[in-house]
Amino acid sequence: MVNAILTAVHVVVAIGLIVTVLLMSGRSAGLSGSIAGGAEQFFGKRKGLDEFLGKLAAGFAIAFLISSLALNFVHG
């Protein structure tokens, strides 16, 4: 039961991390350039959005690491 819950959390965190990284603007502006209009309306200028996405990505990365370790201890 615990293994299933941890796996579900791990998958959600992994998807969140992937989406967050894809939304961050890079050299070519990537996917974030196509939806920048709507995002700028909510978060203001582009720089503020990139800072927010950077912090969010760091949080997802830490959560991914913790859930990976927890899955390893429960499963192994």
N, C-alpha and C. Protein backbone atom coordinates (compact mmCIF):
# COMPACT_ATOMS: atom_id res chain seq x y z
N MET A 1 0.83 -1.20 0.00
CA MET A 1 0.00 0.00 0.00
C MET A 1 0.88 1.26 0.00
N VAL A 2 1.88 1.28 0.86
CA VAL A 2 2.77 2.42 0.93
C VAL A 2 3.56 2.56 -0.37
N ASN A 3 3.93 1.43 -0.95
CA ASN A 3 4.67 1.44 -2.20
C ASN A 3 3.84 2.07 -3.32
N ALA A 4 2.57 1.78 -3.37
CA ALA A 4 1.69 2.34 -4.41
C ALA A 4 1.54 3.84 -4.22
N ILE A 5 1.40 4.29 -3.00
CA ILE A 5 1.25 5.73 -2.73
C ILE A 5 2.53 6.47 -3.09
N LEU A 6 3.67 5.91 -2.69
CA LEU A 6 4.95 6.54 -3.03
C LEU A 6 5.20 6.57 -4.53
N THR A 7 4.79 5.51 -5.22
CA THR A 7 4.95 5.49 -6.67
C THR A 7 4.08 6.55 -7.33
N ALA A 8 2.86 6.71 -6.86
CA ALA A 8 1.96 7.73 -7.41
C ALA A 8 2.53 9.13 -7.18
N VAL A 9 3.04 9.38 -5.98
CA VAL A 9 3.64 10.67 -5.67
C VAL A 9 4.86 10.90 -6.56
N HIS A 10 5.66 9.87 -6.74
CA HIS A 10 6.87 9.97 -7.56
C HIS A 10 6.52 10.32 -9.01
N VAL A 11 5.49 9.70 -9.55
CA VAL A 11 5.07 9.98 -10.93
C VAL A 11 4.56 11.41 -11.07
N VAL A 12 3.77 11.86 -10.12
CA VAL A 12 3.23 13.23 -10.17
C VAL A 12 4.37 14.25 -10.08
N VAL A 13 5.32 14.00 -9.19
CA VAL A 13 6.46 14.91 -9.05
C VAL A 13 7.31 14.91 -10.32
N ALA A 14 7.50 13.75 -10.92
CA ALA A 14 8.29 13.66 -12.14
C ALA A 14 7.62 14.43 -13.28
N ILE A 15 6.31 14.29 -13.41
CA ILE A 15 5.58 15.03 -14.46
C ILE A 15 5.66 16.53 -14.18
N GLY A 16 5.52 16.93 -12.92
CA GLY A 16 5.63 18.34 -12.58
C GLY A 16 7.00 18.91 -12.89
N LEU A 17 8.03 18.13 -12.63
CA LEU A 17 9.40 18.57 -12.94
C LEU A 17 9.60 18.71 -14.43
N ILE A 18 9.11 17.77 -15.20
CA ILE A 18 9.25 17.83 -16.66
C ILE A 18 8.53 19.05 -17.22
N VAL A 19 7.30 19.27 -16.79
CA VAL A 19 6.53 20.41 -17.29
C VAL A 19 7.18 21.73 -16.90
N THR A 20 7.66 21.82 -15.68
CA THR A 20 8.30 23.05 -15.22
C THR A 20 9.56 23.36 -16.03
N VAL A 21 10.37 22.35 -16.29
CA VAL A 21 11.59 22.57 -17.06
C VAL A 21 11.25 22.96 -18.49
N LEU A 22 10.21 22.36 -19.06
CA LEU A 22 9.82 22.72 -20.42
C LEU A 22 9.29 24.15 -20.51
N LEU A 23 8.67 24.63 -19.46
CA LEU A 23 8.13 25.99 -19.47
C LEU A 23 9.19 27.07 -19.26
N MET A 24 10.33 26.69 -18.72
CA MET A 24 11.39 27.67 -18.51
C MET A 24 11.95 28.12 -19.85
N SER A 25 12.26 29.40 -19.94
CA SER A 25 12.79 29.90 -21.21
C SER A 25 14.28 29.61 -21.28
N GLY A 26 14.68 29.12 -22.41
CA GLY A 26 16.08 28.85 -22.65
C GLY A 26 16.59 29.80 -23.71
N ARG A 27 17.60 29.38 -24.42
CA ARG A 27 18.17 30.22 -25.47
C ARG A 27 17.19 30.41 -26.62
N SER A 28 16.41 29.38 -26.91
CA SER A 28 15.48 29.48 -28.03
C SER A 28 14.05 29.73 -27.57
N ALA A 29 13.84 29.94 -26.31
CA ALA A 29 12.55 30.23 -25.69
C ALA A 29 11.63 29.03 -25.66
N GLY A 30 11.91 27.95 -26.34
CA GLY A 30 11.20 26.68 -26.24
C GLY A 30 9.70 26.78 -26.19
N LEU A 31 9.10 25.94 -25.39
CA LEU A 31 7.65 25.88 -25.27
C LEU A 31 7.10 27.12 -24.58
N SER A 32 7.89 27.74 -23.72
CA SER A 32 7.39 28.89 -22.97
C SER A 32 7.10 30.08 -23.88
N GLY A 33 7.75 30.17 -25.00
CA GLY A 33 7.49 31.27 -25.92
C GLY A 33 6.11 31.21 -26.53
N SER A 34 5.57 30.01 -26.67
CA SER A 34 4.26 29.88 -27.30
C SER A 34 3.12 30.23 -26.35
N ILE A 35 3.33 30.11 -25.04
CA ILE A 35 2.26 30.42 -24.11
C ILE A 35 2.61 31.61 -23.22
N ALA A 36 3.58 32.38 -23.64
CA ALA A 36 4.06 33.48 -22.80
C ALA A 36 2.97 34.53 -22.56
N GLY A 37 2.12 34.74 -23.51
CA GLY A 37 1.09 35.76 -23.35
C GLY A 37 0.21 35.51 -22.15
N GLY A 38 -0.31 34.30 -22.03
CA GLY A 38 -1.17 33.96 -20.90
C GLY A 38 -0.43 33.92 -19.60
N ALA A 39 0.79 33.42 -19.63
CA ALA A 39 1.58 33.32 -18.40
C ALA A 39 1.98 34.70 -17.90
N GLU A 40 2.32 35.60 -18.81
CA GLU A 40 2.72 36.94 -18.38
C GLU A 40 1.56 37.68 -17.74
N GLN A 41 0.35 37.36 -18.14
CA GLN A 41 -0.81 38.00 -17.55
C GLN A 41 -0.92 37.65 -16.07
N PHE A 42 -0.60 36.41 -15.73
CA PHE A 42 -0.70 35.97 -14.34
C PHE A 42 0.53 36.34 -13.52
N PHE A 43 1.71 36.21 -14.08
CA PHE A 43 2.94 36.36 -13.31
C PHE A 43 3.71 37.64 -13.60
N GLY A 44 3.23 38.49 -14.46
CA GLY A 44 3.92 39.73 -14.75
C GLY A 44 4.97 39.54 -15.82
N LYS A 45 6.07 40.25 -15.69
CA LYS A 45 7.12 40.22 -16.72
C LYS A 45 7.80 38.87 -16.79
N ARG A 46 8.51 38.66 -17.85
CA ARG A 46 9.16 37.39 -18.14
C ARG A 46 10.20 37.01 -17.08
N LYS A 47 10.94 37.97 -16.59
CA LYS A 47 11.97 37.67 -15.62
C LYS A 47 11.37 37.10 -14.34
N GLY A 48 10.27 37.65 -13.90
CA GLY A 48 9.62 37.14 -12.69
C GLY A 48 9.12 35.73 -12.86
N LEU A 49 8.61 35.43 -14.05
CA LEU A 49 8.12 34.08 -14.33
C LEU A 49 9.27 33.09 -14.34
N ASP A 50 10.40 33.46 -14.92
CA ASP A 50 11.55 32.56 -14.96
C ASP A 50 12.09 32.30 -13.56
N GLU A 51 12.10 33.31 -12.71
CA GLU A 51 12.55 33.12 -11.33
C GLU A 51 11.61 32.17 -10.59
N PHE A 52 10.30 32.37 -10.79
CA PHE A 52 9.31 31.50 -10.15
C PHE A 52 9.46 30.06 -10.64
N LEU A 53 9.62 29.87 -11.95
CA LEU A 53 9.77 28.53 -12.49
C LEU A 53 11.08 27.88 -12.03
N GLY A 54 12.11 28.67 -11.84
CA GLY A 54 13.37 28.13 -11.32
C GLY A 54 13.22 27.60 -9.91
N LYS A 55 12.53 28.35 -9.07
CA LYS A 55 12.29 27.91 -7.69
C LYS A 55 11.37 26.70 -7.67
N LEU A 56 10.37 26.70 -8.54
CA LEU A 56 9.46 25.57 -8.62
C LEU A 56 10.18 24.31 -9.09
N ALA A 57 11.06 24.47 -10.08
CA ALA A 57 11.83 23.32 -10.56
C ALA A 57 12.76 22.78 -9.48
N ALA A 58 13.35 23.66 -8.71
CA ALA A 58 14.22 23.22 -7.61
C ALA A 58 13.40 22.45 -6.57
N GLY A 59 12.22 22.92 -6.27
CA GLY A 59 11.35 22.21 -5.33
C GLY A 59 10.95 20.85 -5.85
N PHE A 60 10.59 20.78 -7.13
CA PHE A 60 10.25 19.48 -7.72
C PHE A 60 11.45 18.54 -7.73
N ALA A 61 12.65 19.08 -8.00
CA ALA A 61 13.84 18.24 -8.02
C ALA A 61 14.13 17.66 -6.63
N ILE A 62 13.97 18.47 -5.60
CA ILE A 62 14.18 17.98 -4.23
C ILE A 62 13.13 16.93 -3.87
N ALA A 63 11.88 17.20 -4.24
CA ALA A 63 10.81 16.23 -3.98
C ALA A 63 11.05 14.93 -4.75
N PHE A 64 11.56 15.04 -5.98
CA PHE A 64 11.87 13.85 -6.77
C PHE A 64 12.97 13.03 -6.11
N LEU A 65 13.99 13.69 -5.61
CA LEU A 65 15.08 12.99 -4.93
C LEU A 65 14.57 12.29 -3.68
N ILE A 66 13.78 12.98 -2.89
CA ILE A 66 13.26 12.39 -1.65
C ILE A 66 12.33 11.21 -1.95
N SER A 67 11.47 11.37 -2.96
CA SER A 67 10.57 10.25 -3.29
C SER A 67 11.34 9.07 -3.87
N SER A 68 12.41 9.33 -4.60
CA SER A 68 13.25 8.24 -5.12
C SER A 68 13.91 7.48 -3.98
N LEU A 69 14.44 8.19 -3.02
CA LEU A 69 15.07 7.55 -1.86
C LEU A 69 14.04 6.76 -1.04
N ALA A 70 12.87 7.36 -0.86
CA ALA A 70 11.83 6.68 -0.08
C ALA A 70 11.38 5.41 -0.80
N LEU A 71 11.24 5.45 -2.10
CA LEU A 71 10.88 4.25 -2.85
C LEU A 71 11.97 3.18 -2.75
N ASN A 72 13.21 3.62 -2.76
CA ASN A 72 14.31 2.67 -2.64
C ASN A 72 14.30 1.97 -1.28
N PHE A 73 14.06 2.71 -0.23
CA PHE A 73 14.04 2.12 1.11
C PHE A 73 12.84 1.21 1.32
N VAL A 74 11.68 1.60 0.76
CA VAL A 74 10.47 0.79 0.94
C VAL A 74 10.56 -0.47 0.09
N HIS A 75 11.02 -0.34 -1.12
CA HIS A 75 11.05 -1.47 -2.05
C HIS A 75 12.22 -2.41 -1.77
N GLY A 76 13.35 -1.85 -1.43
CA GLY A 76 14.55 -2.67 -1.31
C GLY A 76 14.75 -3.20 0.05
